[in-house]
Amino acid sequence: MKWLVFIGIFLVSVSVSAQAEMMYVNDILEITLRTGPGVDRKIIAMLQSDQVVEVISMDPEWSQVKLPDGREGWVVSRFLTSKLPNRIALERLKQKHNNIERKASSLVEENNKYKEENGRLGSELAKNLEALSNLEKAYEKLKTESADFLTLKSDYSESTSRLAEQTEKAKKFEEELKEFRLKQNIKWFLSGAGVLLVGIIIGYSTKRERHRSSLL
């Protein structure tokens, strides 16, 4: 028998819990929470507008409710509404608006940072492009100068080779000239010696002819 009573109480409590619904006190100043369904019942508390209550049971006249602090009582049903009260809706809208404003402010700040970063990157890109252009110009100049240098080196090598050849030829010519001069000197020396010898012979012959003439 006790088990049947316990099961019955459990089923009733489950049924009441299943029927429980969260509602709000309507947009009025305040209402009374009473110990029973009637204006002659004792007042437990005064409920302010927008007070959240848990509805345990409800009929057209009176509703049994439970407060967030655990107290239970009865209120007039027409003072309850499942619609979100205007004040709470307004507060939530204000909160959403504030959140949106904070997010918008954060987005604006982030956007400004991105703009600043973009400007810095653009400036660095311009500097890098200028540096790249200068490097390309320097590279082209180096290629030109290198080509000129190689040409100059080739001309220098060719000129050096020609100079060496001409120097060698000059040395040979100088040696040949020395040899020619030596031969000429020898030739002139021999010619002079021959003339001198002929003159001596002629003089000697003339002297002998004179000597003979004087003897006659």
Protein backbone atom coordinates (compact mmCIF):
# COMPACT_ATOMS: atom_id res chain seq x y z
CA MET A 1 0.00 0.00 0.00
CA LYS A 2 2.83 2.38 0.88
CA TRP A 3 4.50 1.60 -2.42
CA LEU A 4 1.31 2.44 -4.28
CA VAL A 5 1.05 5.77 -2.47
CA PHE A 6 4.71 6.54 -3.22
CA ILE A 7 4.27 5.65 -6.87
CA GLY A 8 1.15 7.82 -7.05
CA ILE A 9 2.94 10.79 -5.49
CA PHE A 10 5.88 10.28 -7.88
CA LEU A 11 3.58 10.18 -10.92
CA VAL A 12 1.77 13.34 -9.76
CA SER A 13 5.07 15.16 -9.24
CA VAL A 14 6.31 14.03 -12.65
CA SER A 15 3.04 15.16 -14.23
CA VAL A 16 3.24 18.53 -12.51
CA SER A 17 6.91 18.92 -13.58
CA ALA A 18 6.01 18.03 -17.14
CA GLN A 19 3.32 20.70 -17.14
CA ALA A 20 5.65 23.34 -15.62
CA GLU A 21 6.22 26.37 -17.87
CA MET A 22 8.37 29.45 -17.46
CA MET A 23 6.31 32.65 -17.62
CA TYR A 24 6.67 36.32 -16.69
CA VAL A 25 4.70 38.74 -14.56
CA ASN A 26 2.92 41.05 -16.99
CA ASP A 27 3.81 44.71 -17.58
CA ILE A 28 2.20 46.12 -14.41
CA LEU A 29 3.80 47.59 -11.33
CA GLU A 30 3.54 44.58 -8.95
CA ILE A 31 1.23 41.71 -7.99
CA THR A 32 0.69 39.62 -4.87
CA LEU A 33 1.90 36.08 -4.34
CA ARG A 34 -0.59 34.35 -1.97
CA THR A 35 -0.71 31.11 -0.07
CA GLY A 36 -3.80 29.97 -2.00
CA PRO A 37 -6.11 30.78 -4.91
CA GLY A 38 -8.09 33.66 -3.43
CA VAL A 39 -7.74 37.26 -2.46
CA ASP A 40 -8.47 36.27 1.16
CA ARG A 41 -5.34 34.15 1.32
CA LYS A 42 -2.18 35.40 3.02
CA ILE A 43 0.29 37.41 0.93
CA ILE A 44 3.69 35.73 0.72
CA ALA A 45 5.48 38.30 -1.43
CA MET A 46 5.00 41.18 -3.82
CA LEU A 47 6.19 40.35 -7.34
CA GLN A 48 7.58 43.12 -9.51
CA SER A 49 6.90 43.45 -13.21
CA ASP A 50 8.99 41.14 -15.38
CA GLN A 51 9.53 38.71 -12.48
CA VAL A 52 10.24 35.22 -13.82
CA VAL A 53 8.13 32.44 -12.23
CA GLU A 54 7.75 28.72 -12.88
CA VAL A 55 4.09 27.77 -13.42
CA ILE A 56 3.20 24.58 -11.53
CA SER A 57 -0.51 24.60 -12.37
CA MET A 58 -2.78 27.06 -14.10
CA ASP A 59 -6.50 27.71 -14.51
CA PRO A 60 -8.39 30.73 -15.88
CA GLU A 61 -8.48 32.47 -12.48
CA TRP A 62 -5.46 31.46 -10.43
CA SER A 63 -2.06 29.89 -11.15
CA GLN A 64 0.29 28.13 -8.78
CA VAL A 65 3.86 29.33 -9.34
CA LYS A 66 7.33 28.81 -7.96
CA LEU A 67 9.89 31.60 -7.53
CA PRO A 68 13.59 31.22 -8.37
CA ASP A 69 14.34 31.18 -4.60
CA GLY A 70 12.10 28.12 -4.12
CA ARG A 71 9.03 29.76 -2.58
CA GLU A 72 5.67 28.70 -3.97
CA GLY A 73 2.31 30.50 -4.07
CA TRP A 74 -0.65 31.59 -6.12
CA VAL A 75 -1.11 34.58 -8.43
CA VAL A 76 -3.96 35.83 -10.61
CA SER A 77 -3.59 34.12 -14.01
CA ARG A 78 -4.36 37.21 -16.11
CA PHE A 79 -1.25 38.89 -14.68
CA LEU A 80 0.99 36.21 -16.23
CA THR A 81 2.17 36.14 -19.82
CA SER A 82 4.39 33.87 -21.88
CA LYS A 83 5.38 36.81 -24.05
CA LEU A 84 8.67 38.42 -23.22
CA PRO A 85 7.91 41.69 -21.37
CA ASN A 86 8.74 44.89 -23.15
CA ARG A 87 11.27 46.00 -20.55
CA ILE A 88 13.21 42.75 -20.75
CA ALA A 89 12.96 42.77 -24.53
CA LEU A 90 14.20 46.34 -24.52
CA GLU A 91 17.06 45.49 -22.18
CA ARG A 92 18.03 42.53 -24.32
CA LEU A 93 17.84 44.69 -27.42
CA LYS A 94 20.03 47.27 -25.69
CA GLN A 95 22.47 44.55 -24.71
CA LYS A 96 22.52 43.23 -28.28
CA HIS A 97 22.96 46.79 -29.53
CA ASN A 98 25.84 47.35 -27.11
CA ASN A 99 27.41 44.07 -28.18
CA ILE A 100 27.01 45.05 -31.83
CA GLU A 101 28.53 48.45 -31.08
CA ARG A 102 31.48 46.81 -29.31
CA LYS A 103 31.94 44.41 -32.19
CA ALA A 104 31.61 47.26 -34.68
CA SER A 105 34.15 49.31 -32.72
CA SER A 106 36.45 46.30 -32.61
CA LEU A 107 35.96 45.76 -36.36
CA VAL A 108 36.66 49.43 -37.08
CA GLU A 109 39.81 49.28 -34.96
CA GLU A 110 40.86 46.05 -36.64
CA ASN A 111 40.08 47.58 -40.03
CA ASN A 112 42.23 50.60 -39.18
CA LYS A 113 45.04 48.26 -38.18
CA TYR A 114 44.65 46.41 -41.46
CA LYS A 115 44.69 49.72 -43.34
CA GLU A 116 47.81 50.80 -41.47
CA GLU A 117 49.44 47.43 -42.09
CA ASN A 118 48.38 47.58 -45.74
CA GLY A 119 49.88 51.06 -46.06
CA ARG A 120 53.11 49.87 -44.45
CA LEU A 121 53.25 46.84 -46.73
CA GLY A 122 52.51 49.07 -49.73
CA SER A 123 55.36 51.38 -48.73
CA GLU A 124 57.72 48.43 -48.26
CA LEU A 125 56.60 47.01 -51.61
CA ALA A 126 57.31 50.34 -53.32
CA LYS A 127 60.77 50.45 -51.70
CA ASN A 128 61.45 46.85 -52.70
CA LEU A 129 60.34 47.55 -56.27
CA GLU A 130 62.62 50.59 -56.38
CA ALA A 131 65.50 48.55 -54.98
CA LEU A 132 64.78 45.82 -57.53
CA SER A 133 64.75 48.40 -60.33
CA ASN A 134 68.09 49.79 -59.11
CA LEU A 135 69.53 46.27 -58.96
CA GLU A 136 68.35 45.57 -62.49
CA LYS A 137 69.93 48.82 -63.70
CA ALA A 138 73.16 48.00 -61.86
CA TYR A 139 73.08 44.50 -63.33
CA GLU A 140 72.59 45.82 -66.86
CA LYS A 141 75.39 48.34 -66.31
CA LEU A 142 77.62 45.60 -64.95
CA LYS A 143 76.86 43.43 -67.96
CA THR A 144 77.70 46.32 -70.30
CA GLU A 145 80.87 47.17 -68.39
CA SER A 146 81.81 43.51 -68.24
CA ALA A 147 81.33 43.21 -71.99
CA ASP A 148 83.42 46.36 -72.49
CA PHE A 149 85.99 45.00 -70.09
CA LEU A 150 86.18 41.69 -71.93
CA THR A 151 86.49 43.54 -75.24
CA LEU A 152 89.19 45.79 -73.77
CA LYS A 153 90.97 42.78 -72.33
CA SER A 154 90.83 41.06 -75.69
CA ASP A 155 92.14 44.20 -77.42
CA TYR A 156 94.87 44.53 -74.79
CA SER A 157 95.89 40.91 -75.22
CA GLU A 158 95.95 41.35 -79.00
CA SER A 159 97.91 44.61 -78.72
CA THR A 160 100.32 43.00 -76.27
CA SER A 161 100.81 40.12 -78.65
CA ARG A 162 101.40 42.51 -81.57
CA LEU A 163 103.78 44.59 -79.47
CA ALA A 164 105.70 41.47 -78.53
CA GLU A 165 105.92 40.52 -82.19
CA GLN A 166 107.01 44.02 -83.17
CA THR A 167 109.53 44.07 -80.34
CA GLU A 168 110.92 40.77 -81.51
CA LYS A 169 111.09 42.06 -85.06
CA ALA A 170 112.77 45.27 -83.84
CA LYS A 171 115.36 43.24 -81.95
CA LYS A 172 116.06 41.14 -85.03
CA PHE A 173 116.22 44.28 -87.17
CA GLU A 174 118.58 45.92 -84.68
CA GLU A 175 120.81 42.84 -84.67
CA GLU A 176 120.75 42.77 -88.46
CA LEU A 177 121.52 46.52 -88.51
CA LYS A 178 124.43 46.02 -86.12
CA GLU A 179 125.72 43.17 -88.26
CA PHE A 180 125.28 45.29 -91.40
CA ARG A 181 127.09 48.21 -89.79
CA LEU A 182 129.86 45.93 -88.66
CA LYS A 183 130.17 44.58 -92.15
CA GLN A 184 130.14 48.10 -93.55
CA ASN A 185 132.77 49.23 -91.09
CA ILE A 186 134.90 46.27 -91.98
CA LYS A 187 134.31 46.97 -95.63
CA TRP A 188 135.20 50.65 -95.24
CA PHE A 189 138.16 49.73 -93.10
CA LEU A 190 139.38 47.28 -95.72
CA SER A 191 138.70 49.80 -98.46
CA GLY A 192 140.62 52.48 -96.56
CA ALA A 193 143.43 50.06 -95.82
CA GLY A 194 143.51 49.10 -99.51
CA VAL A 195 143.62 52.75 -100.56
CA LEU A 196 146.34 53.41 -98.02
CA LEU A 197 148.29 50.38 -99.21
CA VAL A 198 147.90 51.46 -102.83
CA GLY A 199 149.03 54.93 -101.89
CA ILE A 200 152.08 53.51 -100.09
CA ILE A 201 152.87 51.34 -103.04
CA ILE A 202 152.43 54.23 -105.47
CA GLY A 203 154.53 56.48 -103.28
CA TYR A 204 157.21 53.90 -102.97
CA SER A 205 157.20 53.34 -106.71
CA THR A 206 157.39 57.08 -107.39
CA LYS A 207 160.27 57.40 -104.99
CA ARG A 208 162.15 54.63 -106.70
CA GLU A 209 161.53 56.20 -110.10
CA ARG A 210 162.90 59.49 -108.81
CA HIS A 211 165.86 57.78 -107.36
CA ARG A 212 166.62 56.15 -110.66
CA SER A 213 166.24 59.37 -112.51
CA SER A 214 168.75 61.09 -110.32
CA LEU A 215 171.26 58.31 -110.88
CA LEU A 216 171.03 58.82 -114.61
